[in-house]
């Protein structure tokens, strides 16, 4: 899987397992200021923290299920 366009250049050669522990600023478009805001607001330090944060997971579930609501 090629996810290079989703990552800063320095992280393009990392494995997915390594990326889980990488800082959120490793994601293309996430600035150091954005990373600091995520840390302050949600205690998110890594890509793994971001991907497993309950609030983000709840939001994803709501969006996914909204089209199926009757």
C-alpha atoms as a PDB file:
ATOM      1  CA  UNK A   1       0.000   0.000   0.000  1.00  0.00           C
ATOM      2  CA  UNK A   2       1.411   3.385  -0.961  1.00  0.00           C
ATOM      3  CA  UNK A   3       0.389   6.109   1.442  1.00  0.00           C
ATOM      4  CA  UNK A   4       3.278   8.447   0.700  1.00  0.00           C
ATOM      5  CA  UNK A   5       0.978  11.324  -0.274  1.00  0.00           C
ATOM      6  CA  UNK A   6      -0.519  11.159   3.214  1.00  0.00           C
ATOM      7  CA  UNK A   7       2.848  11.566   4.947  1.00  0.00           C
ATOM      8  CA  UNK A   8       5.601  14.102   5.329  1.00  0.00           C
ATOM      9  CA  UNK A   9       8.659  13.164   3.274  1.00  0.00           C
ATOM     10  CA  UNK A  10      10.667  12.036   6.334  1.00  0.00           C
ATOM     11  CA  UNK A  11       8.104   9.322   7.108  1.00  0.00           C
ATOM     12  CA  UNK A  12       7.485   7.915   3.618  1.00  0.00           C
ATOM     13  CA  UNK A  13       9.847   4.963   4.116  1.00  0.00           C
ATOM     14  CA  UNK A  14       8.457   3.933   7.508  1.00  0.00           C
ATOM     15  CA  UNK A  15       6.386   0.795   7.953  1.00  0.00           C
ATOM     16  CA  UNK A  16       2.783   1.033   9.081  1.00  0.00           C
ATOM     17  CA  UNK A  17       3.834  -0.366  12.465  1.00  0.00           C
ATOM     18  CA  UNK A  18       6.395   2.430  12.794  1.00  0.00           C
ATOM     19  CA  UNK A  19       3.866   5.048  11.714  1.00  0.00           C
ATOM     20  CA  UNK A  20       1.510   4.126  14.546  1.00  0.00           C
ATOM     21  CA  UNK A  21       4.147   5.495  16.947  1.00  0.00           C
ATOM     22  CA  UNK A  22       5.029   8.517  14.804  1.00  0.00           C
ATOM     23  CA  UNK A  23       3.926  11.999  15.857  1.00  0.00           C
ATOM     24  CA  UNK A  24       0.692  13.267  14.318  1.00  0.00           C
ATOM     25  CA  UNK A  25       2.710  15.980  12.542  1.00  0.00           C
ATOM     26  CA  UNK A  26       4.085  13.151  10.347  1.00  0.00           C
ATOM     27  CA  UNK A  27       0.752  13.292   8.503  1.00  0.00           C
ATOM     28  CA  UNK A  28       0.906  15.587   5.476  1.00  0.00           C
ATOM     29  CA  UNK A  29      -0.883  18.841   6.247  1.00  0.00           C
ATOM     30  CA  UNK A  30      -0.762  18.498  10.050  1.00  0.00           C
ATOM     31  CA  UNK A  31       1.421  21.301  11.354  1.00  0.00           C
ATOM     32  CA  UNK A  32       3.310  21.404  14.619  1.00  0.00           C
ATOM     33  CA  UNK A  33       0.679  23.881  15.836  1.00  0.00           C
ATOM     34  CA  UNK A  34      -2.084  21.427  14.879  1.00  0.00           C
ATOM     35  CA  UNK A  35      -0.243  18.659  16.720  1.00  0.00           C
ATOM     36  CA  UNK A  36       0.065  20.873  19.800  1.00  0.00           C
ATOM     37  CA  UNK A  37      -3.671  21.645  19.675  1.00  0.00           C
ATOM     38  CA  UNK A  38      -4.489  17.913  19.440  1.00  0.00           C
ATOM     39  CA  UNK A  39      -2.210  17.257  22.401  1.00  0.00           C
ATOM     40  CA  UNK A  40      -3.843  19.961  24.513  1.00  0.00           C
ATOM     41  CA  UNK A  41      -7.417  19.121  23.554  1.00  0.00           C
ATOM     42  CA  UNK A  42      -7.332  15.312  23.418  1.00  0.00           C
ATOM     43  CA  UNK A  43      -3.893  14.210  24.706  1.00  0.00           C
ATOM     44  CA  UNK A  44      -3.126  12.912  21.202  1.00  0.00           C
ATOM     45  CA  UNK A  45       0.618  12.492  20.631  1.00  0.00           C
ATOM     46  CA  UNK A  46       0.908   9.845  17.912  1.00  0.00           C
ATOM     47  CA  UNK A  47      -0.854   8.694  14.773  1.00  0.00           C
ATOM     48  CA  UNK A  48      -1.998   5.696  16.803  1.00  0.00           C
ATOM     49  CA  UNK A  49      -3.546   7.981  19.426  1.00  0.00           C
ATOM     50  CA  UNK A  50      -5.369   9.875  16.676  1.00  0.00           C
ATOM     51  CA  UNK A  51      -6.640   6.727  15.003  1.00  0.00           C
ATOM     52  CA  UNK A  52      -8.003   5.250  18.223  1.00  0.00           C
ATOM     53  CA  UNK A  53      -9.360   8.381  19.874  1.00  0.00           C
ATOM     54  CA  UNK A  54     -12.924   7.686  20.980  1.00  0.00           C
ATOM     55  CA  UNK A  55     -14.251  11.052  19.839  1.00  0.00           C
ATOM     56  CA  UNK A  56     -12.848  10.630  16.348  1.00  0.00           C
ATOM     57  CA  UNK A  57     -14.158   7.055  16.198  1.00  0.00           C
ATOM     58  CA  UNK A  58     -17.617   8.203  17.314  1.00  0.00           C
ATOM     59  CA  UNK A  59     -17.620  10.926  14.647  1.00  0.00           C
ATOM     60  CA  UNK A  60     -16.608   8.415  11.961  1.00  0.00           C
ATOM     61  CA  UNK A  61     -19.390   6.056  13.047  1.00  0.00           C
ATOM     62  CA  UNK A  62     -21.991   8.843  12.961  1.00  0.00           C
ATOM     63  CA  UNK A  63     -20.912   9.904   9.472  1.00  0.00           C
ATOM     64  CA  UNK A  64     -20.883   6.305   8.202  1.00  0.00           C
ATOM     65  CA  UNK A  65     -24.330   5.550   9.599  1.00  0.00           C
ATOM     66  CA  UNK A  66     -26.002   8.857   8.709  1.00  0.00           C
ATOM     67  CA  UNK A  67     -26.696   7.762   5.124  1.00  0.00           C
ATOM     68  CA  UNK A  68     -28.446   4.653   6.369  1.00  0.00           C
ATOM     69  CA  UNK A  69     -30.744   6.445   8.832  1.00  0.00           C
ATOM     70  CA  UNK A  70     -34.434   6.161   8.046  1.00  0.00           C
END
